Amino acid sequence: MSFSDMVRHCYQADLDGIKSNGLFKEERSIHSPQSSDIEVEFPIGSTVRKCINICSNNYLGLSSHPQVIAAAHAGLDARGYGMSSVRFICGTQDIQGNWRTG
């Protein structure tokens, strides 16, 4: 399926408007483990540099803790890379516990 030039022009005009209003979010390419400071490439194609990371959920620094990484490796070795779909479709693994009561 391909879009006509008219449709592409409409989408491009909308994107240009979003960008000119400062509402377009550019992605940052992170080149290091997430912690209080990270190495980023932003904008894409620029030199990698260090910056303070104030948008991470890794408040305690556990995502790169050696014991957490070892536990993740053990889980991958035992079960693979997670479920192949959502729990509703393919079920709940025994290691996830019984989430129902009663």
N, C-alpha and C. Protein backbone atom coordinates (compact mmCIF):
# COMPACT_ATOMS: atom_id res chain seq x y z
N MET A 1 0.85 -1.18 0.00
CA MET A 1 0.00 0.00 0.00
C MET A 1 0.89 1.24 0.00
N SER A 2 0.58 2.17 -0.83
CA SER A 2 1.35 3.40 -0.85
C SER A 2 0.41 4.59 -0.77
N PHE A 3 0.93 5.66 -0.22
CA PHE A 3 0.13 6.87 -0.09
C PHE A 3 0.32 7.74 -1.32
N SER A 4 -0.70 8.46 -1.64
CA SER A 4 -0.59 9.40 -2.76
C SER A 4 0.28 10.58 -2.33
N ASP A 5 0.78 11.31 -3.29
CA ASP A 5 1.60 12.50 -2.99
C ASP A 5 0.82 13.51 -2.17
N MET A 6 -0.49 13.60 -2.42
CA MET A 6 -1.32 14.55 -1.67
C MET A 6 -1.37 14.19 -0.18
N VAL A 7 -1.53 12.90 0.10
CA VAL A 7 -1.58 12.45 1.49
C VAL A 7 -0.22 12.68 2.15
N ARG A 8 0.86 12.32 1.46
CA ARG A 8 2.21 12.56 1.99
C ARG A 8 2.42 14.04 2.28
N HIS A 9 1.96 14.90 1.40
CA HIS A 9 2.12 16.34 1.58
C HIS A 9 1.37 16.80 2.83
N CYS A 10 0.16 16.28 3.04
CA CYS A 10 -0.63 16.64 4.23
C CYS A 10 0.08 16.23 5.51
N TYR A 11 0.58 14.98 5.54
CA TYR A 11 1.31 14.51 6.72
C TYR A 11 2.58 15.33 6.94
N GLN A 12 3.29 15.63 5.86
CA GLN A 12 4.53 16.40 5.99
C GLN A 12 4.23 17.81 6.51
N ALA A 13 3.15 18.40 6.03
CA ALA A 13 2.76 19.73 6.50
C ALA A 13 2.43 19.70 7.99
N ASP A 14 1.71 18.66 8.43
CA ASP A 14 1.39 18.51 9.86
C ASP A 14 2.67 18.36 10.68
N LEU A 15 3.58 17.51 10.23
CA LEU A 15 4.85 17.32 10.95
C LEU A 15 5.66 18.61 10.99
N ASP A 16 5.72 19.32 9.88
CA ASP A 16 6.45 20.59 9.85
C ASP A 16 5.86 21.58 10.85
N GLY A 17 4.53 21.62 10.97
CA GLY A 17 3.88 22.50 11.93
C GLY A 17 4.21 22.11 13.37
N ILE A 18 4.20 20.81 13.64
CA ILE A 18 4.54 20.32 14.98
C ILE A 18 5.98 20.71 15.32
N LYS A 19 6.89 20.54 14.36
CA LYS A 19 8.29 20.89 14.58
C LYS A 19 8.46 22.39 14.78
N SER A 20 7.81 23.19 13.96
CA SER A 20 7.97 24.65 14.08
C SER A 20 7.39 25.19 15.38
N ASN A 21 6.44 24.47 15.96
CA ASN A 21 5.86 24.87 17.26
C ASN A 21 6.65 24.32 18.44
N GLY A 22 7.74 23.62 18.14
CA GLY A 22 8.58 23.09 19.22
C GLY A 22 7.97 21.90 19.93
N LEU A 23 7.07 21.18 19.28
CA LEU A 23 6.38 20.07 19.92
C LEU A 23 6.84 18.69 19.46
N PHE A 24 7.80 18.65 18.55
CA PHE A 24 8.29 17.38 18.02
C PHE A 24 9.40 16.86 18.92
N LYS A 25 9.29 15.60 19.34
CA LYS A 25 10.30 15.02 20.22
C LYS A 25 11.30 14.21 19.41
N GLU A 26 12.54 14.63 19.44
CA GLU A 26 13.62 13.89 18.80
C GLU A 26 14.09 12.80 19.76
N GLU A 27 14.40 11.64 19.23
CA GLU A 27 14.92 10.55 20.05
C GLU A 27 16.39 10.78 20.38
N ARG A 28 16.78 10.34 21.57
CA ARG A 28 18.17 10.37 21.99
C ARG A 28 18.70 8.94 21.95
N SER A 29 19.86 8.76 21.39
CA SER A 29 20.48 7.45 21.37
C SER A 29 21.41 7.35 22.58
N ILE A 30 21.07 6.45 23.51
CA ILE A 30 21.84 6.31 24.75
C ILE A 30 22.93 5.26 24.51
N HIS A 31 24.17 5.62 24.81
CA HIS A 31 25.33 4.77 24.54
C HIS A 31 25.95 4.20 25.81
N SER A 32 25.25 4.21 26.93
CA SER A 32 25.81 3.72 28.19
C SER A 32 24.68 3.16 29.05
N PRO A 33 25.04 2.41 30.10
CA PRO A 33 23.99 1.99 31.03
C PRO A 33 23.34 3.22 31.67
N GLN A 34 22.04 3.11 32.00
CA GLN A 34 21.37 4.24 32.60
C GLN A 34 21.73 4.35 34.07
N SER A 35 22.15 5.53 34.45
CA SER A 35 22.43 5.87 35.84
C SER A 35 22.23 7.37 35.97
N SER A 36 22.84 8.00 36.96
CA SER A 36 22.64 9.44 37.15
C SER A 36 23.27 10.25 36.03
N ASP A 37 24.28 9.70 35.38
CA ASP A 37 24.81 10.35 34.19
C ASP A 37 24.91 9.30 33.08
N ILE A 38 24.68 9.73 31.86
CA ILE A 38 24.68 8.82 30.72
C ILE A 38 25.44 9.46 29.56
N GLU A 39 25.78 8.62 28.60
CA GLU A 39 26.37 9.11 27.36
C GLU A 39 25.29 9.06 26.29
N VAL A 40 25.07 10.20 25.64
CA VAL A 40 24.01 10.29 24.64
C VAL A 40 24.53 10.84 23.32
N GLU A 41 23.83 10.47 22.28
CA GLU A 41 24.03 11.03 20.95
C GLU A 41 22.75 11.78 20.62
N PHE A 42 22.81 13.10 20.70
CA PHE A 42 21.63 13.92 20.46
C PHE A 42 22.05 15.26 19.92
N PRO A 43 21.57 15.63 18.78
CA PRO A 43 20.72 14.84 17.89
C PRO A 43 21.48 13.68 17.25
N ILE A 44 20.74 12.74 16.70
CA ILE A 44 21.34 11.58 16.07
C ILE A 44 22.35 12.06 15.02
N GLY A 45 23.54 11.47 15.07
CA GLY A 45 24.60 11.86 14.15
C GLY A 45 25.61 12.80 14.76
N SER A 46 25.33 13.32 15.96
CA SER A 46 26.27 14.23 16.61
C SER A 46 27.27 13.43 17.45
N THR A 47 28.22 14.11 18.04
CA THR A 47 29.22 13.48 18.89
C THR A 47 28.58 13.00 20.18
N VAL A 48 28.96 11.81 20.63
CA VAL A 48 28.46 11.27 21.90
C VAL A 48 29.04 12.10 23.04
N ARG A 49 28.16 12.47 23.99
CA ARG A 49 28.62 13.29 25.13
C ARG A 49 27.92 12.85 26.40
N LYS A 50 28.50 13.21 27.53
CA LYS A 50 27.90 12.89 28.83
C LYS A 50 26.89 13.96 29.20
N CYS A 51 25.83 13.51 29.88
CA CYS A 51 24.86 14.46 30.42
C CYS A 51 24.24 13.86 31.68
N ILE A 52 23.60 14.70 32.46
CA ILE A 52 22.89 14.25 33.66
C ILE A 52 21.57 13.64 33.22
N ASN A 53 21.24 12.49 33.78
CA ASN A 53 20.02 11.76 33.43
C ASN A 53 18.97 12.02 34.50
N ILE A 54 17.99 12.86 34.18
CA ILE A 54 16.94 13.15 35.15
C ILE A 54 15.58 12.58 34.72
N CYS A 55 15.60 11.67 33.75
CA CYS A 55 14.33 11.12 33.26
C CYS A 55 14.29 9.61 33.36
N SER A 56 15.05 9.03 34.25
CA SER A 56 15.10 7.58 34.38
C SER A 56 14.27 7.13 35.57
N ASN A 57 13.73 5.91 35.48
CA ASN A 57 13.06 5.29 36.62
C ASN A 57 14.04 4.51 37.48
N ASN A 58 15.31 4.60 37.17
CA ASN A 58 16.35 3.85 37.87
C ASN A 58 16.86 4.66 39.07
N TYR A 59 15.95 5.07 39.95
CA TYR A 59 16.29 5.95 41.05
C TYR A 59 17.33 5.35 41.99
N LEU A 60 17.30 4.05 42.19
CA LEU A 60 18.23 3.41 43.11
C LEU A 60 19.47 2.84 42.43
N GLY A 61 19.56 2.99 41.12
CA GLY A 61 20.72 2.50 40.39
C GLY A 61 20.76 0.99 40.28
N LEU A 62 19.61 0.33 40.39
CA LEU A 62 19.60 -1.13 40.40
C LEU A 62 19.63 -1.75 39.01
N SER A 63 19.26 -1.02 37.97
CA SER A 63 19.17 -1.64 36.65
C SER A 63 20.53 -2.09 36.13
N SER A 64 21.60 -1.53 36.65
CA SER A 64 22.94 -1.97 36.23
C SER A 64 23.72 -2.59 37.39
N HIS A 65 23.02 -2.96 38.48
CA HIS A 65 23.68 -3.61 39.61
C HIS A 65 24.05 -5.05 39.21
N PRO A 66 25.25 -5.50 39.52
CA PRO A 66 25.70 -6.83 39.10
C PRO A 66 24.77 -7.98 39.52
N GLN A 67 24.17 -7.91 40.70
CA GLN A 67 23.27 -8.99 41.13
C GLN A 67 21.96 -9.00 40.33
N VAL A 68 21.47 -7.82 39.97
CA VAL A 68 20.26 -7.74 39.16
C VAL A 68 20.55 -8.26 37.76
N ILE A 69 21.68 -7.89 37.21
CA ILE A 69 22.07 -8.38 35.88
C ILE A 69 22.23 -9.90 35.90
N ALA A 70 22.86 -10.44 36.95
CA ALA A 70 23.03 -11.90 37.07
C ALA A 70 21.68 -12.60 37.17
N ALA A 71 20.74 -12.03 37.92
CA ALA A 71 19.41 -12.62 38.04
C ALA A 71 18.68 -12.57 36.70
N ALA A 72 18.85 -11.51 35.94
CA ALA A 72 18.23 -11.42 34.62
C ALA A 72 18.80 -12.48 33.69
N HIS A 73 20.12 -12.68 33.74
CA HIS A 73 20.73 -13.73 32.92
C HIS A 73 20.20 -15.11 33.31
N ALA A 74 20.05 -15.35 34.60
CA ALA A 74 19.52 -16.64 35.06
C ALA A 74 18.10 -16.84 34.55
N GLY A 75 17.29 -15.79 34.58
CA GLY A 75 15.93 -15.88 34.08
C GLY A 75 15.89 -16.15 32.58
N LEU A 76 16.77 -15.49 31.82
CA LEU A 76 16.85 -15.73 30.38
C LEU A 76 17.27 -17.17 30.10
N ASP A 77 18.26 -17.66 30.85
CA ASP A 77 18.72 -19.03 30.65
C ASP A 77 17.61 -20.04 30.95
N ALA A 78 16.81 -19.77 31.98
CA ALA A 78 15.78 -20.71 32.40
C ALA A 78 14.51 -20.63 31.54
N ARG A 79 14.10 -19.42 31.13
CA ARG A 79 12.79 -19.24 30.50
C ARG A 79 12.81 -18.57 29.13
N GLY A 80 13.97 -18.11 28.68
CA GLY A 80 14.00 -17.37 27.43
C GLY A 80 13.63 -15.92 27.65
N TYR A 81 13.28 -15.25 26.57
CA TYR A 81 13.04 -13.80 26.62
C TYR A 81 11.56 -13.47 26.84
N GLY A 82 10.97 -14.03 27.85
CA GLY A 82 9.62 -13.66 28.24
C GLY A 82 8.54 -14.33 27.42
N MET A 83 7.34 -13.86 27.61
CA MET A 83 6.17 -14.41 26.95
C MET A 83 6.17 -14.00 25.48
N SER A 84 5.49 -14.77 24.67
CA SER A 84 5.40 -14.47 23.25
C SER A 84 4.19 -13.60 22.93
N SER A 85 3.41 -13.31 23.93
CA SER A 85 2.23 -12.46 23.74
C SER A 85 1.80 -11.98 25.12
N VAL A 86 0.65 -11.35 25.19
CA VAL A 86 0.13 -10.89 26.47
C VAL A 86 -0.43 -12.05 27.27
N ARG A 87 -0.51 -11.90 28.58
CA ARG A 87 -0.96 -12.97 29.46
C ARG A 87 -2.37 -13.44 29.10
N PHE A 88 -3.23 -12.54 28.69
CA PHE A 88 -4.61 -12.89 28.35
C PHE A 88 -4.65 -13.91 27.21
N ILE A 89 -3.73 -13.81 26.27
CA ILE A 89 -3.74 -14.70 25.11
C ILE A 89 -3.02 -16.01 25.39
N CYS A 90 -1.81 -15.93 25.96
CA CYS A 90 -1.01 -17.16 26.07
C CYS A 90 -0.89 -17.70 27.49
N GLY A 91 -1.46 -17.03 28.46
CA GLY A 91 -1.45 -17.57 29.82
C GLY A 91 -0.42 -16.92 30.72
N THR A 92 -0.41 -17.39 31.96
CA THR A 92 0.49 -16.87 32.98
C THR A 92 1.51 -17.95 33.33
N GLN A 93 2.78 -17.61 33.32
CA GLN A 93 3.80 -18.58 33.70
C GLN A 93 3.72 -18.87 35.19
N ASP A 94 4.10 -20.08 35.57
CA ASP A 94 4.05 -20.47 36.97
C ASP A 94 4.92 -19.56 37.84
N ILE A 95 6.01 -19.04 37.32
CA ILE A 95 6.89 -18.18 38.14
C ILE A 95 6.31 -16.80 38.35
N GLN A 96 5.22 -16.43 37.63
CA GLN A 96 4.56 -15.16 37.85
C GLN A 96 3.58 -15.25 39.02
N GLY A 97 3.32 -16.42 39.49
CA GLY A 97 2.43 -16.58 40.63
C GLY A 97 0.97 -16.59 40.24
N ASN A 98 0.15 -16.90 41.20
CA ASN A 98 -1.28 -16.92 40.96
C ASN A 98 -1.81 -15.53 41.26
N TRP A 99 -2.16 -14.78 40.24
CA TRP A 99 -2.62 -13.41 40.43
C TRP A 99 -4.09 -13.32 40.76
N ARG A 100 -4.77 -14.42 40.70
CA ARG A 100 -6.19 -14.42 41.08
C ARG A 100 -6.34 -14.77 42.54
N THR A 101 -7.36 -14.27 43.14
CA THR A 101 -7.66 -14.63 44.53
C THR A 101 -8.93 -15.45 44.54
N GLY A 102 -8.98 -16.40 45.45
CA GLY A 102 -10.19 -17.18 45.63
C GLY A 102 -10.31 -18.31 44.78
